């Protein structure tokens, strides 16, 4: 699969950064976005994308590109900051041209 530049990847409407061995730490969530509708909040950690652990830097982009090239659906496993529990949320990826944050 060709490498997809980060700015061409679909966006769910949240900003994050990778924490090695943990996942993608959610810094902010865009109002009205798929991420907000899916219940993501700042402080949550996305630990898996389509049942693949997000343990290292770059893993989010790689797995998101695979999902976009495949079914266009993603299932995120999220460690909820408020409770510490893990929840699963399913998203349909927006098509290219989705408004960027």
PDB file of N, CA and C in Angstrom:
ATOM      1  N   UNK A   1       0.847  -1.178   0.000  1.00  0.00           N
ATOM      2  CA  UNK A   1       0.000   0.000   0.000  1.00  0.00           C
ATOM      3  C   UNK A   1       0.892   1.241   0.000  1.00  0.00           C
ATOM      4  N   UNK A   2       0.508   2.220  -0.809  1.00  0.00           N
ATOM      5  CA  UNK A   2       1.302   3.443  -0.862  1.00  0.00           C
ATOM      6  C   UNK A   2       1.123   4.225   0.439  1.00  0.00           C
ATOM      7  N   UNK A   3       2.141   4.930   0.795  1.00  0.00           N
ATOM      8  CA  UNK A   3       2.083   5.746   2.005  1.00  0.00           C
ATOM      9  C   UNK A   3       1.212   6.968   1.736  1.00  0.00           C
ATOM     10  N   UNK A   4       0.218   7.191   2.590  1.00  0.00           N
ATOM     11  CA  UNK A   4      -0.712   8.306   2.432  1.00  0.00           C
ATOM     12  C   UNK A   4      -0.215   9.466   3.284  1.00  0.00           C
ATOM     13  N   UNK A   5       0.006  10.632   2.676  1.00  0.00           N
ATOM     14  CA  UNK A   5       0.420  11.788   3.479  1.00  0.00           C
ATOM     15  C   UNK A   5      -0.628  12.091   4.557  1.00  0.00           C
ATOM     16  N   UNK A   6      -0.161  12.482   5.711  1.00  0.00           N
ATOM     17  CA  UNK A   6      -1.045  12.726   6.857  1.00  0.00           C
ATOM     18  C   UNK A   6      -2.182  13.691   6.521  1.00  0.00           C
ATOM     19  N   UNK A   7      -1.906  14.707   5.693  1.00  0.00           N
ATOM     20  CA  UNK A   7      -2.963  15.682   5.384  1.00  0.00           C
ATOM     21  C   UNK A   7      -4.008  15.128   4.416  1.00  0.00           C
ATOM     22  N   UNK A   8      -3.777  13.933   3.849  1.00  0.00           N
ATOM     23  CA  UNK A   8      -4.772  13.297   2.985  1.00  0.00           C
ATOM     24  C   UNK A   8      -5.627  12.282   3.732  1.00  0.00           C
ATOM     25  N   UNK A   9      -5.279  11.992   4.968  1.00  0.00           N
ATOM     26  CA  UNK A   9      -6.048  11.027   5.754  1.00  0.00           C
ATOM     27  C   UNK A   9      -7.371  11.641   6.197  1.00  0.00           C
ATOM     28  N   UNK A  10      -8.417  10.821   6.302  1.00  0.00           N
ATOM     29  CA  UNK A  10      -9.675  11.347   6.820  1.00  0.00           C
ATOM     30  C   UNK A  10      -9.506  11.758   8.273  1.00  0.00           C
ATOM     31  N   UNK A  11     -10.329  12.689   8.704  1.00  0.00           N
ATOM     32  CA  UNK A  11     -10.241  13.200  10.069  1.00  0.00           C
ATOM     33  C   UNK A  11     -11.529  12.880  10.808  1.00  0.00           C
ATOM     34  N   UNK A  12     -11.392  12.492  12.052  1.00  0.00           N
ATOM     35  CA  UNK A  12     -12.564  12.244  12.888  1.00  0.00           C
ATOM     36  C   UNK A  12     -12.912  13.458  13.737  1.00  0.00           C
ATOM     37  N   UNK A  13     -12.002  14.447  13.754  1.00  0.00           N
ATOM     38  CA  UNK A  13     -12.293  15.683  14.471  1.00  0.00           C
ATOM     39  C   UNK A  13     -11.706  15.746  15.865  1.00  0.00           C
ATOM     40  N   UNK A  14     -10.533  15.147  16.052  1.00  0.00           N
ATOM     41  CA  UNK A  14      -9.838  15.319  17.328  1.00  0.00           C
ATOM     42  C   UNK A  14      -8.342  15.430  17.076  1.00  0.00           C
ATOM     43  N   UNK A  15      -7.669  16.081  18.004  1.00  0.00           N
ATOM     44  CA  UNK A  15      -6.217  16.226  17.969  1.00  0.00           C
ATOM     45  C   UNK A  15      -5.642  15.309  19.026  1.00  0.00           C
ATOM     46  N   UNK A  16      -4.524  14.693  18.683  1.00  0.00           N
ATOM     47  CA  UNK A  16      -3.906  13.761  19.623  1.00  0.00           C
ATOM     48  C   UNK A  16      -2.409  13.706  19.392  1.00  0.00           C
ATOM     49  N   UNK A  17      -1.729  13.067  20.326  1.00  0.00           N
ATOM     50  CA  UNK A  17      -0.326  12.736  20.125  1.00  0.00           C
ATOM     51  C   UNK A  17      -0.084  11.348  20.692  1.00  0.00           C
ATOM     52  N   UNK A  18       0.917  10.682  20.139  1.00  0.00           N
ATOM     53  CA  UNK A  18       1.221   9.309  20.541  1.00  0.00           C
ATOM     54  C   UNK A  18       1.990   9.289  21.849  1.00  0.00           C
ATOM     55  N   UNK A  19       1.576   8.384  22.719  1.00  0.00           N
ATOM     56  CA  UNK A  19       2.328   8.075  23.933  1.00  0.00           C
ATOM     57  C   UNK A  19       2.824   6.646  23.761  1.00  0.00           C
ATOM     58  N   UNK A  20       4.145   6.482  23.664  1.00  0.00           N
ATOM     59  CA  UNK A  20       4.728   5.174  23.398  1.00  0.00           C
ATOM     60  C   UNK A  20       4.213   4.136  24.398  1.00  0.00           C
ATOM     61  N   UNK A  21       3.698   3.037  23.865  1.00  0.00           N
ATOM     62  CA  UNK A  21       3.220   1.947  24.698  1.00  0.00           C
ATOM     63  C   UNK A  21       1.822   2.142  25.259  1.00  0.00           C
ATOM     64  N   UNK A  22       1.210   3.291  25.003  1.00  0.00           N
ATOM     65  CA  UNK A  22      -0.113   3.597  25.563  1.00  0.00           C
ATOM     66  C   UNK A  22      -1.173   3.764  24.486  1.00  0.00           C
ATOM     67  N   UNK A  23      -0.928   4.649  23.509  1.00  0.00           N
ATOM     68  CA  UNK A  23      -1.910   4.950  22.477  1.00  0.00           C
ATOM     69  C   UNK A  23      -1.884   6.419  22.116  1.00  0.00           C
ATOM     70  N   UNK A  24      -2.984   6.884  21.529  1.00  0.00           N
ATOM     71  CA  UNK A  24      -3.123   8.277  21.105  1.00  0.00           C
ATOM     72  C   UNK A  24      -3.867   9.056  22.183  1.00  0.00           C
ATOM     73  N   UNK A  25      -3.178   9.998  22.820  1.00  0.00           N
ATOM     74  CA  UNK A  25      -3.754  10.828  23.872  1.00  0.00           C
ATOM     75  C   UNK A  25      -4.559  11.952  23.224  1.00  0.00           C
ATOM     76  N   UNK A  26      -5.849  12.028  23.535  1.00  0.00           N
ATOM     77  CA  UNK A  26      -6.733  13.026  22.937  1.00  0.00           C
ATOM     78  C   UNK A  26      -6.534  14.364  23.654  1.00  0.00           C
ATOM     79  N   UNK A  27      -6.083  15.368  22.893  1.00  0.00           N
ATOM     80  CA  UNK A  27      -5.824  16.697  23.436  1.00  0.00           C
ATOM     81  C   UNK A  27      -7.069  17.575  23.338  1.00  0.00           C
ATOM     82  N   UNK A  28      -7.751  17.512  22.193  1.00  0.00           N
ATOM     83  CA  UNK A  28      -8.920  18.367  21.971  1.00  0.00           C
ATOM     84  C   UNK A  28      -9.859  17.673  21.000  1.00  0.00           C
ATOM     85  N   UNK A  29     -11.146  18.009  21.088  1.00  0.00           N
ATOM     86  CA  UNK A  29     -12.172  17.440  20.224  1.00  0.00           C
ATOM     87  C   UNK A  29     -12.955  18.586  19.589  1.00  0.00           C
ATOM     88  N   UNK A  30     -13.114  18.527  18.272  1.00  0.00           N
ATOM     89  CA  UNK A  30     -13.826  19.571  17.547  1.00  0.00           C
ATOM     90  C   UNK A  30     -15.331  19.449  17.791  1.00  0.00           C
ATOM     91  N   UNK A  31     -15.962  20.566  18.065  1.00  0.00           N
ATOM     92  CA  UNK A  31     -17.417  20.591  18.251  1.00  0.00           C
ATOM     93  C   UNK A  31     -18.132  20.126  16.991  1.00  0.00           C
ATOM     94  N   UNK A  32     -19.131  19.267  17.167  1.00  0.00           N
ATOM     95  CA  UNK A  32     -19.938  18.788  16.053  1.00  0.00           C
ATOM     96  C   UNK A  32     -19.284  17.706  15.223  1.00  0.00           C
ATOM     97  N   UNK A  33     -18.095  17.269  15.600  1.00  0.00           N
ATOM     98  CA  UNK A  33     -17.354  16.277  14.820  1.00  0.00           C
ATOM     99  C   UNK A  33     -17.834  14.854  15.132  1.00  0.00           C
ATOM    100  N   UNK A  34     -17.394  13.926  14.309  1.00  0.00           N
ATOM    101  CA  UNK A  34     -17.677  12.515  14.557  1.00  0.00           C
ATOM    102  C   UNK A  34     -17.112  12.094  15.916  1.00  0.00           C
ATOM    103  N   UNK A  35     -15.937  12.604  16.251  1.00  0.00           N
ATOM    104  CA  UNK A  35     -15.319  12.265  17.537  1.00  0.00           C
ATOM    105  C   UNK A  35     -16.198  12.722  18.701  1.00  0.00           C
ATOM    106  N   UNK A  36     -16.727  13.925  18.622  1.00  0.00           N
ATOM    107  CA  UNK A  36     -17.602  14.415  19.695  1.00  0.00           C
ATOM    108  C   UNK A  36     -18.878  13.578  19.768  1.00  0.00           C
ATOM    109  N   UNK A  37     -19.474  13.300  18.618  1.00  0.00           N
ATOM    110  CA  UNK A  37     -20.685  12.475  18.599  1.00  0.00           C
ATOM    111  C   UNK A  37     -20.410  11.077  19.141  1.00  0.00           C
ATOM    112  N   UNK A  38     -19.169  10.593  18.965  1.00  0.00           N
ATOM    113  CA  UNK A  38     -18.770   9.282  19.475  1.00  0.00           C
ATOM    114  C   UNK A  38     -18.365   9.285  20.932  1.00  0.00           C
ATOM    115  N   UNK A  39     -18.398  10.456  21.567  1.00  0.00           N
ATOM    116  CA  UNK A  39     -18.120  10.538  22.994  1.00  0.00           C
ATOM    117  C   UNK A  39     -16.679  10.766  23.390  1.00  0.00           C
ATOM    118  N   UNK A  40     -15.776  11.011  22.439  1.00  0.00           N
ATOM    119  CA  UNK A  40     -14.394  11.286  22.816  1.00  0.00           C
ATOM    120  C   UNK A  40     -14.292  12.612  23.544  1.00  0.00           C
ATOM    121  N   UNK A  41     -13.428  12.636  24.546  1.00  0.00           N
ATOM    122  CA  UNK A  41     -13.186  13.846  25.332  1.00  0.00           C
ATOM    123  C   UNK A  41     -11.690  14.008  25.544  1.00  0.00           C
ATOM    124  N   UNK A  42     -11.239  15.254  25.745  1.00  0.00           N
ATOM    125  CA  UNK A  42      -9.833  15.457  26.066  1.00  0.00           C
ATOM    126  C   UNK A  42      -9.435  14.616  27.278  1.00  0.00           C
ATOM    127  N   UNK A  43      -8.260  14.013  27.182  1.00  0.00           N
ATOM    128  CA  UNK A  43      -7.769  13.153  28.253  1.00  0.00           C
ATOM    129  C   UNK A  43      -7.980  11.678  27.982  1.00  0.00           C
ATOM    130  N   UNK A  44      -8.917  11.347  27.092  1.00  0.00           N
ATOM    131  CA  UNK A  44      -9.111   9.952  26.697  1.00  0.00           C
ATOM    132  C   UNK A  44      -7.875   9.482  25.934  1.00  0.00           C
ATOM    133  N   UNK A  45      -7.670   8.172  25.906  1.00  0.00           N
ATOM    134  CA  UNK A  45      -6.564   7.594  25.148  1.00  0.00           C
ATOM    135  C   UNK A  45      -7.134   6.527  24.222  1.00  0.00           C
ATOM    136  N   UNK A  46      -6.907   6.698  22.917  1.00  0.00           N
ATOM    137  CA  UNK A  46      -7.309   5.696  21.939  1.00  0.00           C
ATOM    138  C   UNK A  46      -6.221   4.627  21.958  1.00  0.00           C
ATOM    139  N   UNK A  47      -6.570   3.422  22.429  1.00  0.00           N
ATOM    140  CA  UNK A  47      -5.570   2.373  22.609  1.00  0.00           C
ATOM    141  C   UNK A  47      -5.507   1.397  21.443  1.00  0.00           C
ATOM    142  N   UNK A  48      -6.599   1.279  20.669  1.00  0.00           N
ATOM    143  CA  UNK A  48      -6.616   0.388  19.513  1.00  0.00           C
ATOM    144  C   UNK A  48      -7.439   0.989  18.390  1.00  0.00           C
ATOM    145  N   UNK A  49      -7.044   0.687  17.178  1.00  0.00           N
ATOM    146  CA  UNK A  49      -7.813   1.034  15.981  1.00  0.00           C
ATOM    147  C   UNK A  49      -8.008  -0.261  15.209  1.00  0.00           C
ATOM    148  N   UNK A  50      -9.252  -0.661  15.039  1.00  0.00           N
ATOM    149  CA  UNK A  50      -9.590  -1.936  14.381  1.00  0.00           C
ATOM    150  C   UNK A  50      -8.821  -3.106  14.992  1.00  0.00           C
ATOM    151  N   UNK A  51      -8.785  -3.136  16.313  1.00  0.00           N
ATOM    152  CA  UNK A  51      -8.194  -4.229  17.098  1.00  0.00           C
ATOM    153  C   UNK A  51      -6.677  -4.317  16.978  1.00  0.00           C
ATOM    154  N   UNK A  52      -6.040  -3.251  16.484  1.00  0.00           N
ATOM    155  CA  UNK A  52      -4.577  -3.174  16.421  1.00  0.00           C
ATOM    156  C   UNK A  52      -4.118  -2.164  17.466  1.00  0.00           C
ATOM    157  N   UNK A  53      -3.259  -2.581  18.395  1.00  0.00           N
ATOM    158  CA  UNK A  53      -2.759  -1.647  19.408  1.00  0.00           C
ATOM    159  C   UNK A  53      -2.006  -0.476  18.775  1.00  0.00           C
ATOM    160  N   UNK A  54      -2.182   0.683  19.370  1.00  0.00           N
ATOM    161  CA  UNK A  54      -1.492   1.901  18.902  1.00  0.00           C
ATOM    162  C   UNK A  54      -0.327   2.169  19.857  1.00  0.00           C
ATOM    163  N   UNK A  55       0.698   1.335  19.759  1.00  0.00           N
ATOM    164  CA  UNK A  55       1.802   1.374  20.713  1.00  0.00           C
ATOM    165  C   UNK A  55       2.941   2.299  20.342  1.00  0.00           C
ATOM    166  N   UNK A  56       3.053   2.685  19.081  1.00  0.00           N
ATOM    167  CA  UNK A  56       4.196   3.505  18.689  1.00  0.00           C
ATOM    168  C   UNK A  56       3.785   4.655  17.789  1.00  0.00           C
ATOM    169  N   UNK A  57       4.690   5.589  17.706  1.00  0.00           N
ATOM    170  CA  UNK A  57       4.491   6.766  16.866  1.00  0.00           C
ATOM    171  C   UNK A  57       4.278   6.336  15.418  1.00  0.00           C
ATOM    172  N   UNK A  58       3.308   6.924  14.749  1.00  0.00           N
ATOM    173  CA  UNK A  58       3.029   6.618  13.364  1.00  0.00           C
ATOM    174  C   UNK A  58       2.001   5.523  13.169  1.00  0.00           C
ATOM    175  N   UNK A  59       1.711   4.786  14.223  1.00  0.00           N
ATOM    176  CA  UNK A  59       0.762   3.675  14.120  1.00  0.00           C
ATOM    177  C   UNK A  59      -0.651   4.161  13.786  1.00  0.00           C
ATOM    178  N   UNK A  60      -1.060   5.291  14.372  1.00  0.00           N
ATOM    179  CA  UNK A  60      -2.388   5.841  14.094  1.00  0.00           C
ATOM    180  C   UNK A  60      -2.545   6.099  12.598  1.00  0.00           C
ATOM    181  N   UNK A  61      -1.615   6.798  11.997  1.00  0.00           N
ATOM    182  CA  UNK A  61      -1.701   7.137  10.573  1.00  0.00           C
ATOM    183  C   UNK A  61      -1.703   5.892   9.704  1.00  0.00           C
ATOM    184  N   UNK A  62      -0.855   4.940  10.024  1.00  0.00           N
ATOM    185  CA  UNK A  62      -0.760   3.714   9.231  1.00  0.00           C
ATOM    186  C   UNK A  62      -2.067   2.934   9.289  1.00  0.00           C
ATOM    187  N   UNK A  63      -2.601   2.742  10.475  1.00  0.00           N
ATOM    188  CA  UNK A  63      -3.843   1.973  10.625  1.00  0.00           C
ATOM    189  C   UNK A  63      -5.047   2.717  10.037  1.00  0.00           C
ATOM    190  N   UNK A  64      -5.054   4.036  10.162  1.00  0.00           N
ATOM    191  CA  UNK A  64      -6.142   4.830   9.590  1.00  0.00           C
ATOM    192  C   UNK A  64      -6.120   4.745   8.058  1.00  0.00           C
ATOM    193  N   UNK A  65      -4.932   4.795   7.466  1.00  0.00           N
ATOM    194  CA  UNK A  65      -4.803   4.660   6.012  1.00  0.00           C
ATOM    195  C   UNK A  65      -5.281   3.294   5.548  1.00  0.00           C
ATOM    196  N   UNK A  66      -4.957   2.239   6.292  1.00  0.00           N
ATOM    197  CA  UNK A  66      -5.431   0.896   5.947  1.00  0.00           C
ATOM    198  C   UNK A  66      -6.951   0.833   5.966  1.00  0.00           C
ATOM    199  N   UNK A  67      -7.558   1.397   7.001  1.00  0.00           N
ATOM    200  CA  UNK A  67      -9.018   1.377   7.119  1.00  0.00           C
ATOM    201  C   UNK A  67      -9.663   2.181   5.997  1.00  0.00           C
ATOM    202  N   UNK A  68      -9.065   3.319   5.678  1.00  0.00           N
ATOM    203  CA  UNK A  68      -9.604   4.175   4.620  1.00  0.00           C
ATOM    204  C   UNK A  68      -9.536   3.472   3.268  1.00  0.00           C
ATOM    205  N   UNK A  69      -8.457   2.755   3.017  1.00  0.00           N
ATOM    206  CA  UNK A  69      -8.303   2.023   1.765  1.00  0.00           C
ATOM    207  C   UNK A  69      -9.184   0.777   1.734  1.00  0.00           C
ATOM    208  N   UNK A  70      -9.585   0.298   2.909  1.00  0.00           N
ATOM    209  CA  UNK A  70     -10.409  -0.906   2.999  1.00  0.00           C
ATOM    210  C   UNK A  70     -11.885  -0.573   3.083  1.00  0.00           C
ATOM    211  N   UNK A  71     -12.480  -0.881   4.207  1.00  0.00           N
ATOM    212  CA  UNK A  71     -13.933  -0.749   4.385  1.00  0.00           C
ATOM    213  C   UNK A  71     -14.407   0.667   4.643  1.00  0.00           C
ATOM    214  N   UNK A  72     -13.504   1.541   5.104  1.00  0.00           N
ATOM    215  CA  UNK A  72     -13.917   2.899   5.456  1.00  0.00           C
ATOM    216  C   UNK A  72     -14.578   2.963   6.824  1.00  0.00           C
ATOM    217  N   UNK A  73     -14.470   1.880   7.571  1.00  0.00           N
ATOM    218  CA  UNK A  73     -15.030   1.814   8.924  1.00  0.00           C
ATOM    219  C   UNK A  73     -13.885   1.615   9.910  1.00  0.00           C
ATOM    220  N   UNK A  74     -13.997   2.229  11.068  1.00  0.00           N
ATOM    221  CA  UNK A  74     -13.017   1.999  12.126  1.00  0.00           C
ATOM    222  C   UNK A  74     -13.733   1.741  13.440  1.00  0.00           C
ATOM    223  N   UNK A  75     -13.126   0.867  14.218  1.00  0.00           N
ATOM    224  CA  UNK A  75     -13.562   0.646  15.587  1.00  0.00           C
ATOM    225  C   UNK A  75     -12.409   1.082  16.475  1.00  0.00           C
ATOM    226  N   UNK A  76     -12.694   2.009  17.375  1.00  0.00           N
ATOM    227  CA  UNK A  76     -11.682   2.497  18.300  1.00  0.00           C
ATOM    228  C   UNK A  76     -11.947   1.932  19.687  1.00  0.00           C
ATOM    229  N   UNK A  77     -10.901   1.462  20.333  1.00  0.00           N
ATOM    230  CA  UNK A  77     -10.957   1.117  21.754  1.00  0.00           C
ATOM    231  C   UNK A  77     -10.361   2.293  22.491  1.00  0.00           C
ATOM    232  N   UNK A  78     -11.121   2.828  23.435  1.00  0.00           N
ATOM    233  CA  UNK A  78     -10.769   4.089  24.089  1.00  0.00           C
ATOM    234  C   UNK A  78     -10.724   3.904  25.597  1.00  0.00           C
ATOM    235  N   UNK A  79      -9.613   4.315  26.219  1.00  0.00           N
ATOM    236  CA  UNK A  79      -9.551   4.368  27.680  1.00  0.00           C
ATOM    237  C   UNK A  79     -10.117   5.727  28.082  1.00  0.00           C
ATOM    238  N   UNK A  80     -11.264   5.684  28.753  1.00  0.00           N
ATOM    239  CA  UNK A  80     -11.986   6.894  29.117  1.00  0.00           C
ATOM    240  C   UNK A  80     -11.325   7.541  30.330  1.00  0.00           C
ATOM    241  N   UNK A  81     -10.971   8.807  30.190  1.00  0.00           N
ATOM    242  CA  UNK A  81     -10.267   9.527  31.257  1.00  0.00           C
ATOM    243  C   UNK A  81     -11.091   9.587  32.536  1.00  0.00           C
ATOM    244  N   UNK A  82     -12.390   9.826  32.415  1.00  0.00           N
ATOM    245  CA  UNK A  82     -13.239   9.997  33.616  1.00  0.00           C
ATOM    246  C   UNK A  82     -13.371   8.734  34.443  1.00  0.00           C
ATOM    247  N   UNK A  83     -13.390   7.567  33.798  1.00  0.00           N
ATOM    248  CA  UNK A  83     -13.664   6.323  34.522  1.00  0.00           C
ATOM    249  C   UNK A  83     -12.490   5.356  34.539  1.00  0.00           C
ATOM    250  N   UNK A  84     -11.574   5.486  33.591  1.00  0.00           N
ATOM    251  CA  UNK A  84     -10.478   4.537  33.464  1.00  0.00           C
ATOM    252  C   UNK A  84     -10.875   3.275  32.712  1.00  0.00           C
ATOM    253  N   UNK A  85     -12.159   3.136  32.392  1.00  0.00           N
ATOM    254  CA  UNK A  85     -12.641   1.962  31.671  1.00  0.00           C
ATOM    255  C   UNK A  85     -12.353   2.052  30.187  1.00  0.00           C
ATOM    256  N   UNK A  86     -12.468   0.912  29.521  1.00  0.00           N
ATOM    257  CA  UNK A  86     -12.272   0.833  28.074  1.00  0.00           C
ATOM    258  C   UNK A  86     -13.639   0.701  27.418  1.00  0.00           C
ATOM    259  N   UNK A  87     -13.884   1.547  26.407  1.00  0.00           N
ATOM    260  CA  UNK A  87     -15.113   1.463  25.617  1.00  0.00           C
ATOM    261  C   UNK A  87     -14.739   1.295  24.154  1.00  0.00           C
ATOM    262  N   UNK A  88     -15.669   0.791  23.389  1.00  0.00           N
ATOM    263  CA  UNK A  88     -15.462   0.608  21.956  1.00  0.00           C
ATOM    264  C   UNK A  88     -16.447   1.494  21.218  1.00  0.00           C
ATOM    265  N   UNK A  89     -15.962   2.203  20.204  1.00  0.00           N
ATOM    266  CA  UNK A  89     -16.809   3.078  19.388  1.00  0.00           C
ATOM    267  C   UNK A  89     -16.516   2.797  17.917  1.00  0.00           C
ATOM    268  N   UNK A  90     -17.570   2.745  17.113  1.00  0.00           N
ATOM    269  CA  UNK A  90     -17.430   2.498  15.676  1.00  0.00           C
ATOM    270  C   UNK A  90     -17.711   3.784  14.911  1.00  0.00           C
ATOM    271  N   UNK A  91     -16.883   4.053  13.895  1.00  0.00           N
ATOM    272  CA  UNK A  91     -17.000   5.258  13.087  1.00  0.00           C
ATOM    273  C   UNK A  91     -16.933   4.898  11.616  1.00  0.00           C
ATOM    274  N   UNK A  92     -17.682   5.616  10.800  1.00  0.00           N
ATOM    275  CA  UNK A  92     -17.509   5.577   9.349  1.00  0.00           C
ATOM    276  C   UNK A  92     -16.580   6.725   9.005  1.00  0.00           C
ATOM    277  N   UNK A  93     -15.536   6.429   8.253  1.00  0.00           N
ATOM    278  CA  UNK A  93     -14.579   7.472   7.910  1.00  0.00           C
ATOM    279  C   UNK A  93     -15.179   8.417   6.884  1.00  0.00           C
ATOM    280  N   UNK A  94     -14.985   9.721   7.085  1.00  0.00           N
ATOM    281  CA  UNK A  94     -15.458  10.685   6.094  1.00  0.00           C
ATOM    282  C   UNK A  94     -14.630  10.570   4.816  1.00  0.00           C
ATOM    283  N   UNK A  95     -15.244  10.908   3.714  1.00  0.00           N
ATOM    284  CA  UNK A  95     -14.542  10.890   2.429  1.00  0.00           C
ATOM    285  C   UNK A  95     -13.497  11.998   2.398  1.00  0.00           C
ATOM    286  N   UNK A  96     -12.596  11.902   1.442  1.00  0.00           N
ATOM    287  CA  UNK A  96     -11.591  12.944   1.252  1.00  0.00           C
ATOM    288  C   UNK A  96     -12.298  14.269   1.058  1.00  0.00           C
ATOM    289  N   UNK A  97     -11.722  15.331   1.560  1.00  0.00           N
ATOM    290  CA  UNK A  97     -12.341  16.635   1.452  1.00  0.00           C
ATOM    291  C   UNK A  97     -13.140  17.002   2.693  1.00  0.00           C
ATOM    292  N   UNK A  98     -13.130  16.134   3.703  1.00  0.00           N
ATOM    293  CA  UNK A  98     -13.783  16.435   4.968  1.00  0.00           C
ATOM    294  C   UNK A  98     -13.149  17.687   5.549  1.00  0.00           C
ATOM    295  N   UNK A  99     -13.913  18.608   6.124  1.00  0.00           N
ATOM    296  CA  UNK A  99     -13.319  19.843   6.644  1.00  0.00           C
ATOM    297  C   UNK A  99     -12.240  19.549   7.674  1.00  0.00           C
ATOM    298  N   UNK A 100     -11.123  20.170   7.512  1.00  0.00           N
ATOM    299  CA  UNK A 100     -10.020  19.982   8.459  1.00  0.00           C
ATOM    300  C   UNK A 100     -10.200  20.861   9.674  1.00  0.00           C
ATOM    301  N   UNK A 101      -9.658  20.384  10.760  1.00  0.00           N
ATOM    302  CA  UNK A 101      -9.710  21.144  12.013  1.00  0.00           C
ATOM    303  C   UNK A 101      -8.637  22.211  12.007  1.00  0.00           C
TER     304      UNK A 101
END
